[in-house]
């Protein structure tokens, strides 16, 4: 007994004709007749009464028909479920992110696609305002940003992932490297480069880095350029734990991270933004959790 036999059997019973069942399945009449005879032999019962007017199910045929229809219906549900599952394992996730999140997103993407090779992840990189705009207008499904507090926007939903605090980062040869912690009055006569981020700018303002003795040489979203200036130009910068720890190890080895006094009340969070009132796919939720677990390591 097989599925094709059951389908032929149901078609003959519903159409009342071997001829019509053969036409429906694009088979010859003898092929349909042989299939039914094999099924009758296997079940040990006659399934149809044959006459010049056609065929009608016997009592045993009617019983078998109910079971055959049930089996075929369940088979169809199984096919639909599998198709739905395959569709969920395919597609594209469009991400907007600030540059500081890029290394972690790339690492998470490479690992995630090992589990879901048919998922394509595309990334748009920009500052916080651009990320918010991309998500709000639907060009990105999710955004990853760094914010000191939630988003006050009626169209966007905010999900904090990990807490991230600012630190002063200097070259390992800097005169400041011996500091266990630092406050604003200790940052003098320095060349300063800043990551263009709302939280970093807030901390910079708090530290009064615009002191006349300091020179703010660069404000940029290019993380690599900022740390090259710290390493090769002996500049100092404000970064977050997350940004520094996402750098390649050979760059981290050239840097010294110094805690900043007075930041206990100024927490910062890396988090996800999505559009409110828009369904979030299982893959977006899974990727978010996967990225969060990667950043916790």
C-alpha atoms as a PDB file:
ATOM      1  CA  UNK A   1       0.000   0.000   0.000  1.00  0.00           C
ATOM      2  CA  UNK A   2       1.261   3.463  -0.852  1.00  0.00           C
ATOM      3  CA  UNK A   3       0.024   7.047  -1.042  1.00  0.00           C
ATOM      4  CA  UNK A   4      -0.495   6.919  -4.813  1.00  0.00           C
ATOM      5  CA  UNK A   5      -2.714   3.849  -4.459  1.00  0.00           C
ATOM      6  CA  UNK A   6      -4.799   5.632  -1.835  1.00  0.00           C
ATOM      7  CA  UNK A   7      -5.149   8.690  -4.083  1.00  0.00           C
ATOM      8  CA  UNK A   8      -6.300   6.544  -7.028  1.00  0.00           C
ATOM      9  CA  UNK A   9      -8.728   4.729  -4.713  1.00  0.00           C
ATOM     10  CA  UNK A  10     -10.274   7.985  -3.419  1.00  0.00           C
ATOM     11  CA  UNK A  11     -10.486   9.447  -6.922  1.00  0.00           C
ATOM     12  CA  UNK A  12     -12.312   6.366  -8.270  1.00  0.00           C
ATOM     13  CA  UNK A  13     -14.733   6.472  -5.326  1.00  0.00           C
ATOM     14  CA  UNK A  14     -15.432  10.207  -5.597  1.00  0.00           C
ATOM     15  CA  UNK A  15     -15.688  10.258  -9.390  1.00  0.00           C
ATOM     16  CA  UNK A  16     -17.493   6.900  -9.634  1.00  0.00           C
ATOM     17  CA  UNK A  17     -15.440   5.941 -12.646  1.00  0.00           C
ATOM     18  CA  UNK A  18     -12.103   4.329 -13.484  1.00  0.00           C
ATOM     19  CA  UNK A  19     -12.086   6.337 -16.699  1.00  0.00           C
ATOM     20  CA  UNK A  20     -12.482   9.696 -14.967  1.00  0.00           C
ATOM     21  CA  UNK A  21      -9.916   8.778 -12.316  1.00  0.00           C
ATOM     22  CA  UNK A  22      -7.481   7.834 -15.081  1.00  0.00           C
ATOM     23  CA  UNK A  23      -8.059  11.189 -16.824  1.00  0.00           C
ATOM     24  CA  UNK A  24      -7.556  13.122 -13.580  1.00  0.00           C
ATOM     25  CA  UNK A  25      -4.260  11.413 -12.848  1.00  0.00           C
ATOM     26  CA  UNK A  26      -3.137  11.229 -16.489  1.00  0.00           C
ATOM     27  CA  UNK A  27      -2.840   7.480 -16.249  1.00  0.00           C
ATOM     28  CA  UNK A  28      -4.234   4.631 -18.336  1.00  0.00           C
ATOM     29  CA  UNK A  29      -7.420   2.895 -17.223  1.00  0.00           C
ATOM     30  CA  UNK A  30      -5.609  -0.482 -16.820  1.00  0.00           C
ATOM     31  CA  UNK A  31      -3.019   1.174 -14.547  1.00  0.00           C
ATOM     32  CA  UNK A  32      -5.757   2.521 -12.265  1.00  0.00           C
ATOM     33  CA  UNK A  33      -7.570  -0.830 -12.301  1.00  0.00           C
ATOM     34  CA  UNK A  34      -4.391  -2.755 -11.399  1.00  0.00           C
ATOM     35  CA  UNK A  35      -3.643  -0.331  -8.535  1.00  0.00           C
ATOM     36  CA  UNK A  36      -7.132  -0.814  -7.072  1.00  0.00           C
ATOM     37  CA  UNK A  37      -6.908  -4.615  -7.452  1.00  0.00           C
ATOM     38  CA  UNK A  38      -3.580  -4.626  -5.575  1.00  0.00           C
ATOM     39  CA  UNK A  39      -5.123  -2.549  -2.788  1.00  0.00           C
ATOM     40  CA  UNK A  40      -8.126  -4.919  -2.559  1.00  0.00           C
ATOM     41  CA  UNK A  41      -5.770  -7.882  -2.376  1.00  0.00           C
ATOM     42  CA  UNK A  42      -3.721  -6.263   0.390  1.00  0.00           C
ATOM     43  CA  UNK A  43      -6.820  -5.350   2.410  1.00  0.00           C
ATOM     44  CA  UNK A  44      -8.512  -8.666   1.735  1.00  0.00           C
ATOM     45  CA  UNK A  45     -11.760  -7.044   0.695  1.00  0.00           C
ATOM     46  CA  UNK A  46     -13.603  -5.949  -2.416  1.00  0.00           C
ATOM     47  CA  UNK A  47     -13.726  -2.139  -2.405  1.00  0.00           C
ATOM     48  CA  UNK A  48     -16.016  -1.408  -5.369  1.00  0.00           C
ATOM     49  CA  UNK A  49     -19.069  -2.830  -7.048  1.00  0.00           C
ATOM     50  CA  UNK A  50     -18.509  -2.511 -10.785  1.00  0.00           C
ATOM     51  CA  UNK A  51     -21.399  -2.033 -13.228  1.00  0.00           C
ATOM     52  CA  UNK A  52     -22.067  -0.490 -16.603  1.00  0.00           C
ATOM     53  CA  UNK A  53     -23.081   2.731 -14.884  1.00  0.00           C
ATOM     54  CA  UNK A  54     -19.746   2.966 -13.106  1.00  0.00           C
ATOM     55  CA  UNK A  55     -18.439   1.919  -9.718  1.00  0.00           C
ATOM     56  CA  UNK A  56     -19.768   2.380  -6.195  1.00  0.00           C
ATOM     57  CA  UNK A  57     -17.963   1.604  -2.932  1.00  0.00           C
ATOM     58  CA  UNK A  58     -18.863  -1.535  -1.039  1.00  0.00           C
ATOM     59  CA  UNK A  59     -19.457  -1.349   2.728  1.00  0.00           C
ATOM     60  CA  UNK A  60     -15.787  -2.201   3.206  1.00  0.00           C
ATOM     61  CA  UNK A  61     -14.933   0.326   0.488  1.00  0.00           C
ATOM     62  CA  UNK A  62     -16.784   3.098   2.309  1.00  0.00           C
ATOM     63  CA  UNK A  63     -14.888   2.300   5.527  1.00  0.00           C
ATOM     64  CA  UNK A  64     -11.589   2.256   3.663  1.00  0.00           C
ATOM     65  CA  UNK A  65     -12.531   5.509   1.918  1.00  0.00           C
ATOM     66  CA  UNK A  66     -12.916   7.366   5.223  1.00  0.00           C
ATOM     67  CA  UNK A  67      -9.492   6.246   6.372  1.00  0.00           C
ATOM     68  CA  UNK A  68      -7.868   6.983   3.009  1.00  0.00           C
ATOM     69  CA  UNK A  69      -9.293  10.515   2.919  1.00  0.00           C
ATOM     70  CA  UNK A  70      -8.100  11.111   6.483  1.00  0.00           C
ATOM     71  CA  UNK A  71      -4.585   9.887   5.597  1.00  0.00           C
ATOM     72  CA  UNK A  72      -4.417  12.075   2.482  1.00  0.00           C
ATOM     73  CA  UNK A  73      -5.675  15.117   4.409  1.00  0.00           C
ATOM     74  CA  UNK A  74      -3.016  14.612   7.079  1.00  0.00           C
ATOM     75  CA  UNK A  75      -0.402  14.210   4.363  1.00  0.00           C
ATOM     76  CA  UNK A  76      -1.455  17.554   2.878  1.00  0.00           C
ATOM     77  CA  UNK A  77      -1.214  19.241   6.279  1.00  0.00           C
ATOM     78  CA  UNK A  78       2.256  17.752   6.698  1.00  0.00           C
ATOM     79  CA  UNK A  79       3.324  19.129   3.305  1.00  0.00           C
ATOM     80  CA  UNK A  80       2.008  22.592   4.186  1.00  0.00           C
ATOM     81  CA  UNK A  81       3.749  22.559   7.568  1.00  0.00           C
ATOM     82  CA  UNK A  82       7.043  21.530   5.990  1.00  0.00           C
ATOM     83  CA  UNK A  83       6.677  24.186   3.303  1.00  0.00           C
ATOM     84  CA  UNK A  84       5.969  26.811   5.966  1.00  0.00           C
ATOM     85  CA  UNK A  85       8.991  25.664   7.932  1.00  0.00           C
ATOM     86  CA  UNK A  86      11.214  25.879   4.845  1.00  0.00           C
ATOM     87  CA  UNK A  87       9.949  29.398   4.110  1.00  0.00           C
ATOM     88  CA  UNK A  88      10.771  30.455   7.666  1.00  0.00           C
ATOM     89  CA  UNK A  89      14.305  29.173   7.142  1.00  0.00           C
ATOM     90  CA  UNK A  90      14.763  31.385   4.081  1.00  0.00           C
ATOM     91  CA  UNK A  91      14.685  35.095   3.484  1.00  0.00           C
ATOM     92  CA  UNK A  92      16.528  38.299   4.322  1.00  0.00           C
ATOM     93  CA  UNK A  93      17.047  40.209   7.558  1.00  0.00           C
ATOM     94  CA  UNK A  94      17.801  43.880   6.897  1.00  0.00           C
ATOM     95  CA  UNK A  95      19.769  45.439   9.772  1.00  0.00           C
ATOM     96  CA  UNK A  96      20.681  49.078  10.389  1.00  0.00           C
ATOM     97  CA  UNK A  97      23.456  49.655  12.908  1.00  0.00           C
ATOM     98  CA  UNK A  98      25.902  52.153  14.283  1.00  0.00           C
ATOM     99  CA  UNK A  99      29.563  51.426  13.399  1.00  0.00           C
ATOM    100  CA  UNK A 100      30.497  50.367  16.934  1.00  0.00           C
ATOM    101  CA  UNK A 101      28.192  47.358  16.656  1.00  0.00           C
ATOM    102  CA  UNK A 102      29.485  46.204  13.264  1.00  0.00           C
ATOM    103  CA  UNK A 103      32.220  43.758  14.411  1.00  0.00           C
ATOM    104  CA  UNK A 104      29.846  41.882  16.719  1.00  0.00           C
ATOM    105  CA  UNK A 105      27.092  41.794  14.104  1.00  0.00           C
ATOM    106  CA  UNK A 106      29.511  40.393  11.521  1.00  0.00           C
ATOM    107  CA  UNK A 107      30.711  37.683  13.918  1.00  0.00           C
ATOM    108  CA  UNK A 108      27.132  36.854  14.925  1.00  0.00           C
ATOM    109  CA  UNK A 109      26.071  36.732  11.260  1.00  0.00           C
ATOM    110  CA  UNK A 110      28.820  34.272  10.335  1.00  0.00           C
ATOM    111  CA  UNK A 111      27.834  31.946  13.184  1.00  0.00           C
ATOM    112  CA  UNK A 112      24.082  32.379  12.636  1.00  0.00           C
ATOM    113  CA  UNK A 113      24.328  31.489   8.960  1.00  0.00           C
ATOM    114  CA  UNK A 114      25.997  28.196   9.863  1.00  0.00           C
ATOM    115  CA  UNK A 115      22.675  27.239  11.467  1.00  0.00           C
ATOM    116  CA  UNK A 116      20.460  28.959   8.871  1.00  0.00           C
ATOM    117  CA  UNK A 117      22.418  29.018   5.577  1.00  0.00           C
ATOM    118  CA  UNK A 118      19.387  30.193   3.591  1.00  0.00           C
ATOM    119  CA  UNK A 119      19.000  33.352   5.674  1.00  0.00           C
ATOM    120  CA  UNK A 120      20.612  36.366   4.029  1.00  0.00           C
ATOM    121  CA  UNK A 121      21.583  39.221   6.363  1.00  0.00           C
ATOM    122  CA  UNK A 122      22.115  42.691   4.907  1.00  0.00           C
ATOM    123  CA  UNK A 123      23.498  45.599   6.897  1.00  0.00           C
ATOM    124  CA  UNK A 124      23.189  49.383   6.631  1.00  0.00           C
ATOM    125  CA  UNK A 125      25.769  51.339   8.634  1.00  0.00           C
ATOM    126  CA  UNK A 126      25.267  54.878   9.903  1.00  0.00           C
ATOM    127  CA  UNK A 127      24.969  57.145  12.927  1.00  0.00           C
ATOM    128  CA  UNK A 128      22.193  56.789  15.500  1.00  0.00           C
ATOM    129  CA  UNK A 129      19.827  59.200  13.745  1.00  0.00           C
ATOM    130  CA  UNK A 130      20.239  57.355  10.440  1.00  0.00           C
ATOM    131  CA  UNK A 131      19.568  53.996  12.100  1.00  0.00           C
ATOM    132  CA  UNK A 132      16.383  55.318  13.707  1.00  0.00           C
ATOM    133  CA  UNK A 133      15.275  56.752  10.365  1.00  0.00           C
ATOM    134  CA  UNK A 134      16.012  53.533   8.455  1.00  0.00           C
ATOM    135  CA  UNK A 135      13.930  51.460  10.867  1.00  0.00           C
ATOM    136  CA  UNK A 136      11.112  53.979  11.044  1.00  0.00           C
ATOM    137  CA  UNK A 137      10.673  54.204   7.262  1.00  0.00           C
ATOM    138  CA  UNK A 138      10.893  50.428   6.809  1.00  0.00           C
ATOM    139  CA  UNK A 139      14.227  50.264   4.977  1.00  0.00           C
ATOM    140  CA  UNK A 140      15.540  48.156   7.865  1.00  0.00           C
ATOM    141  CA  UNK A 141      13.587  45.637   9.918  1.00  0.00           C
ATOM    142  CA  UNK A 142      15.761  46.085  13.005  1.00  0.00           C
ATOM    143  CA  UNK A 143      18.343  48.555  14.230  1.00  0.00           C
ATOM    144  CA  UNK A 144      21.122  48.249  16.787  1.00  0.00           C
ATOM    145  CA  UNK A 145      22.203  51.395  18.598  1.00  0.00           C
ATOM    146  CA  UNK A 146      23.835  52.651  21.786  1.00  0.00           C
ATOM    147  CA  UNK A 147      21.631  54.891  23.929  1.00  0.00           C
ATOM    148  CA  UNK A 148      21.773  56.243  27.507  1.00  0.00           C
ATOM    149  CA  UNK A 149      18.023  55.703  27.852  1.00  0.00           C
ATOM    150  CA  UNK A 150      15.024  54.438  25.935  1.00  0.00           C
ATOM    151  CA  UNK A 151      13.524  55.923  22.796  1.00  0.00           C
ATOM    152  CA  UNK A 152      10.712  58.405  23.171  1.00  0.00           C
ATOM    153  CA  UNK A 153       9.145  57.688  19.807  1.00  0.00           C
ATOM    154  CA  UNK A 154       5.568  56.576  19.202  1.00  0.00           C
ATOM    155  CA  UNK A 155       6.605  54.517  16.161  1.00  0.00           C
ATOM    156  CA  UNK A 156       9.624  52.671  17.568  1.00  0.00           C
ATOM    157  CA  UNK A 157      10.079  49.980  20.211  1.00  0.00           C
ATOM    158  CA  UNK A 158      13.287  49.729  22.261  1.00  0.00           C
ATOM    159  CA  UNK A 159      14.743  46.520  23.694  1.00  0.00           C
ATOM    160  CA  UNK A 160      17.933  46.975  25.773  1.00  0.00           C
ATOM    161  CA  UNK A 161      20.369  44.097  25.394  1.00  0.00           C
ATOM    162  CA  UNK A 162      23.445  44.811  27.520  1.00  0.00           C
ATOM    163  CA  UNK A 163      24.651  47.666  29.713  1.00  0.00           C
ATOM    164  CA  UNK A 164      27.712  49.465  28.420  1.00  0.00           C
ATOM    165  CA  UNK A 165      29.738  52.190  30.201  1.00  0.00           C
ATOM    166  CA  UNK A 166      32.144  54.794  28.918  1.00  0.00           C
ATOM    167  CA  UNK A 167      35.870  54.635  29.577  1.00  0.00           C
ATOM    168  CA  UNK A 168      38.834  56.752  28.631  1.00  0.00           C
ATOM    169  CA  UNK A 169      41.111  54.917  26.209  1.00  0.00           C
ATOM    170  CA  UNK A 170      44.767  55.848  25.815  1.00  0.00           C
ATOM    171  CA  UNK A 171      47.834  54.358  24.200  1.00  0.00           C
ATOM    172  CA  UNK A 172      49.930  52.117  26.419  1.00  0.00           C
ATOM    173  CA  UNK A 173      52.702  54.721  26.235  1.00  0.00           C
ATOM    174  CA  UNK A 174      50.475  57.625  27.376  1.00  0.00           C
ATOM    175  CA  UNK A 175      51.298  59.492  30.566  1.00  0.00           C
ATOM    176  CA  UNK A 176      47.724  58.751  31.688  1.00  0.00           C
ATOM    177  CA  UNK A 177      48.146  54.973  31.477  1.00  0.00           C
ATOM    178  CA  UNK A 178      48.999  54.662  35.204  1.00  0.00           C
ATOM    179  CA  UNK A 179      45.675  56.164  36.310  1.00  0.00           C
ATOM    180  CA  UNK A 180      43.319  53.727  38.047  1.00  0.00           C
ATOM    181  CA  UNK A 181      40.443  56.112  37.329  1.00  0.00           C
ATOM    182  CA  UNK A 182      40.226  59.598  35.893  1.00  0.00           C
ATOM    183  CA  UNK A 183      38.160  62.760  36.323  1.00  0.00           C
ATOM    184  CA  UNK A 184      37.699  65.861  34.178  1.00  0.00           C
ATOM    185  CA  UNK A 185      40.375  68.017  35.829  1.00  0.00           C
ATOM    186  CA  UNK A 186      43.039  65.422  34.968  1.00  0.00           C
ATOM    187  CA  UNK A 187      42.512  65.547  31.212  1.00  0.00           C
ATOM    188  CA  UNK A 188      44.679  68.461  30.073  1.00  0.00           C
ATOM    189  CA  UNK A 189      46.907  69.153  27.071  1.00  0.00           C
ATOM    190  CA  UNK A 190      45.579  66.134  25.189  1.00  0.00           C
ATOM    191  CA  UNK A 191      44.714  65.485  21.557  1.00  0.00           C
ATOM    192  CA  UNK A 192      41.201  64.075  21.652  1.00  0.00           C
ATOM    193  CA  UNK A 193      39.332  62.012  19.091  1.00  0.00           C
ATOM    194  CA  UNK A 194      35.677  61.160  19.638  1.00  0.00           C
ATOM    195  CA  UNK A 195      33.252  58.573  18.339  1.00  0.00           C
ATOM    196  CA  UNK A 196      30.159  60.350  17.004  1.00  0.00           C
ATOM    197  CA  UNK A 197      27.590  58.896  19.399  1.00  0.00           C
ATOM    198  CA  UNK A 198      25.034  60.620  21.696  1.00  0.00           C
ATOM    199  CA  UNK A 199      26.266  58.880  24.840  1.00  0.00           C
ATOM    200  CA  UNK A 200      29.946  59.537  24.058  1.00  0.00           C
ATOM    201  CA  UNK A 201      29.190  63.204  23.394  1.00  0.00           C
ATOM    202  CA  UNK A 202      27.301  63.440  26.685  1.00  0.00           C
ATOM    203  CA  UNK A 203      30.276  61.999  28.585  1.00  0.00           C
ATOM    204  CA  UNK A 204      32.644  64.314  26.711  1.00  0.00           C
ATOM    205  CA  UNK A 205      30.548  67.306  27.752  1.00  0.00           C
ATOM    206  CA  UNK A 206      30.537  66.075  31.342  1.00  0.00           C
ATOM    207  CA  UNK A 207      34.343  65.842  31.310  1.00  0.00           C
ATOM    208  CA  UNK A 208      34.688  69.352  29.841  1.00  0.00           C
ATOM    209  CA  UNK A 209      36.989  68.078  27.125  1.00  0.00           C
ATOM    210  CA  UNK A 210      36.637  71.378  25.303  1.00  0.00           C
ATOM    211  CA  UNK A 211      39.085  72.864  27.808  1.00  0.00           C
ATOM    212  CA  UNK A 212      41.358  75.295  25.892  1.00  0.00           C
ATOM    213  CA  UNK A 213      44.381  73.124  26.674  1.00  0.00           C
ATOM    214  CA  UNK A 214      42.859  70.169  24.822  1.00  0.00           C
ATOM    215  CA  UNK A 215      42.502  69.830  21.060  1.00  0.00           C
ATOM    216  CA  UNK A 216      39.566  67.883  19.655  1.00  0.00           C
ATOM    217  CA  UNK A 217      41.191  66.658  16.462  1.00  0.00           C
ATOM    218  CA  UNK A 218      38.498  64.371  15.064  1.00  0.00           C
ATOM    219  CA  UNK A 219      34.876  63.384  15.551  1.00  0.00           C
ATOM    220  CA  UNK A 220      34.028  60.359  13.424  1.00  0.00           C
ATOM    221  CA  UNK A 221      31.957  57.206  13.052  1.00  0.00           C
ATOM    222  CA  UNK A 222      35.028  55.366  11.746  1.00  0.00           C
ATOM    223  CA  UNK A 223      36.097  53.324  14.763  1.00  0.00           C
ATOM    224  CA  UNK A 224      39.281  52.039  13.128  1.00  0.00           C
ATOM    225  CA  UNK A 225      40.492  55.561  12.307  1.00  0.00           C
ATOM    226  CA  UNK A 226      39.884  56.752  15.864  1.00  0.00           C
ATOM    227  CA  UNK A 227      41.945  53.988  17.433  1.00  0.00           C
ATOM    228  CA  UNK A 228      44.699  54.355  14.860  1.00  0.00           C
ATOM    229  CA  UNK A 229      45.030  57.973  16.007  1.00  0.00           C
ATOM    230  CA  UNK A 230      45.202  56.774  19.622  1.00  0.00           C
ATOM    231  CA  UNK A 231      47.894  54.216  18.794  1.00  0.00           C
ATOM    232  CA  UNK A 232      49.979  56.152  16.271  1.00  0.00           C
ATOM    233  CA  UNK A 233      49.166  59.735  17.216  1.00  0.00           C
ATOM    234  CA  UNK A 234      49.058  59.309  20.992  1.00  0.00           C
ATOM    235  CA  UNK A 235      45.547  60.785  21.077  1.00  0.00           C
ATOM    236  CA  UNK A 236      42.990  59.852  23.739  1.00  0.00           C
ATOM    237  CA  UNK A 237      39.396  58.885  23.178  1.00  0.00           C
ATOM    238  CA  UNK A 238      36.212  58.028  25.003  1.00  0.00           C
ATOM    239  CA  UNK A 239      34.800  54.657  24.093  1.00  0.00           C
ATOM    240  CA  UNK A 240      32.677  51.994  25.733  1.00  0.00           C
ATOM    241  CA  UNK A 241      33.663  48.577  27.006  1.00  0.00           C
ATOM    242  CA  UNK A 242      31.776  47.002  24.123  1.00  0.00           C
ATOM    243  CA  UNK A 243      33.551  49.011  21.419  1.00  0.00           C
ATOM    244  CA  UNK A 244      37.017  48.273  22.813  1.00  0.00           C
ATOM    245  CA  UNK A 245      36.370  44.573  23.325  1.00  0.00           C
ATOM    246  CA  UNK A 246      35.065  44.252  19.771  1.00  0.00           C
ATOM    247  CA  UNK A 247      38.443  45.410  18.406  1.00  0.00           C
ATOM    248  CA  UNK A 248      41.000  42.894  17.088  1.00  0.00           C
ATOM    249  CA  UNK A 249      43.272  41.595  19.828  1.00  0.00           C
ATOM    250  CA  UNK A 250      46.424  43.181  18.375  1.00  0.00           C
ATOM    251  CA  UNK A 251      44.788  46.626  18.645  1.00  0.00           C
ATOM    252  CA  UNK A 252      43.470  45.987  22.172  1.00  0.00           C
ATOM    253  CA  UNK A 253      47.010  45.084  23.226  1.00  0.00           C
ATOM    254  CA  UNK A 254      48.119  48.639  22.375  1.00  0.00           C
ATOM    255  CA  UNK A 255      45.458  50.283  24.509  1.00  0.00           C
ATOM    256  CA  UNK A 256      44.840  51.043  28.175  1.00  0.00           C
ATOM    257  CA  UNK A 257      41.273  51.493  29.431  1.00  0.00           C
ATOM    258  CA  UNK A 258      40.726  53.876  32.335  1.00  0.00           C
ATOM    259  CA  UNK A 259      37.416  54.111  34.257  1.00  0.00           C
ATOM    260  CA  UNK A 260      35.841  57.566  34.484  1.00  0.00           C
ATOM    261  CA  UNK A 261      34.776  59.043  37.828  1.00  0.00           C
ATOM    262  CA  UNK A 262      31.155  60.080  38.193  1.00  0.00           C
ATOM    263  CA  UNK A 263      29.501  57.765  35.660  1.00  0.00           C
ATOM    264  CA  UNK A 264      27.545  55.644  38.136  1.00  0.00           C
ATOM    265  CA  UNK A 265      24.345  57.522  37.328  1.00  0.00           C
ATOM    266  CA  UNK A 266      24.962  57.556  33.582  1.00  0.00           C
ATOM    267  CA  UNK A 267      24.304  54.049  32.356  1.00  0.00           C
ATOM    268  CA  UNK A 268      24.315  53.328  28.655  1.00  0.00           C
ATOM    269  CA  UNK A 269      22.724  50.408  26.826  1.00  0.00           C
ATOM    270  CA  UNK A 270      23.258  48.608  23.578  1.00  0.00           C
ATOM    271  CA  UNK A 271      19.896  47.597  22.264  1.00  0.00           C
ATOM    272  CA  UNK A 272      17.527  46.811  19.437  1.00  0.00           C
ATOM    273  CA  UNK A 273      14.902  49.017  17.860  1.00  0.00           C
ATOM    274  CA  UNK A 274      11.963  47.816  15.796  1.00  0.00           C
ATOM    275  CA  UNK A 275       8.766  49.362  14.500  1.00  0.00           C
ATOM    276  CA  UNK A 276       5.807  49.256  16.831  1.00  0.00           C
ATOM    277  CA  UNK A 277       2.690  47.468  15.601  1.00  0.00           C
ATOM    278  CA  UNK A 278       4.798  45.427  13.157  1.00  0.00           C
ATOM    279  CA  UNK A 279       5.150  41.685  13.626  1.00  0.00           C
ATOM    280  CA  UNK A 280       8.693  40.572  14.435  1.00  0.00           C
ATOM    281  CA  UNK A 281       9.737  37.370  12.688  1.00  0.00           C
ATOM    282  CA  UNK A 282      11.116  34.385  14.563  1.00  0.00           C
ATOM    283  CA  UNK A 283      14.460  34.876  12.845  1.00  0.00           C
ATOM    284  CA  UNK A 284      14.747  38.482  14.026  1.00  0.00           C
ATOM    285  CA  UNK A 285      14.051  37.386  17.599  1.00  0.00           C
ATOM    286  CA  UNK A 286      16.519  34.505  17.296  1.00  0.00           C
ATOM    287  CA  UNK A 287      19.216  36.698  15.753  1.00  0.00           C
ATOM    288  CA  UNK A 288      18.758  39.291  18.517  1.00  0.00           C
ATOM    289  CA  UNK A 289      19.160  36.648  21.218  1.00  0.00           C
ATOM    290  CA  UNK A 290      22.119  35.155  19.368  1.00  0.00           C
ATOM    291  CA  UNK A 291      23.822  38.565  19.059  1.00  0.00           C
ATOM    292  CA  UNK A 292      23.140  39.333  22.729  1.00  0.00           C
ATOM    293  CA  UNK A 293      24.716  36.041  23.814  1.00  0.00           C
ATOM    294  CA  UNK A 294      27.729  36.740  21.598  1.00  0.00           C
ATOM    295  CA  UNK A 295      28.250  40.139  23.219  1.00  0.00           C
ATOM    296  CA  UNK A 296      27.994  38.673  26.724  1.00  0.00           C
ATOM    297  CA  UNK A 297      30.955  36.373  26.077  1.00  0.00           C
END
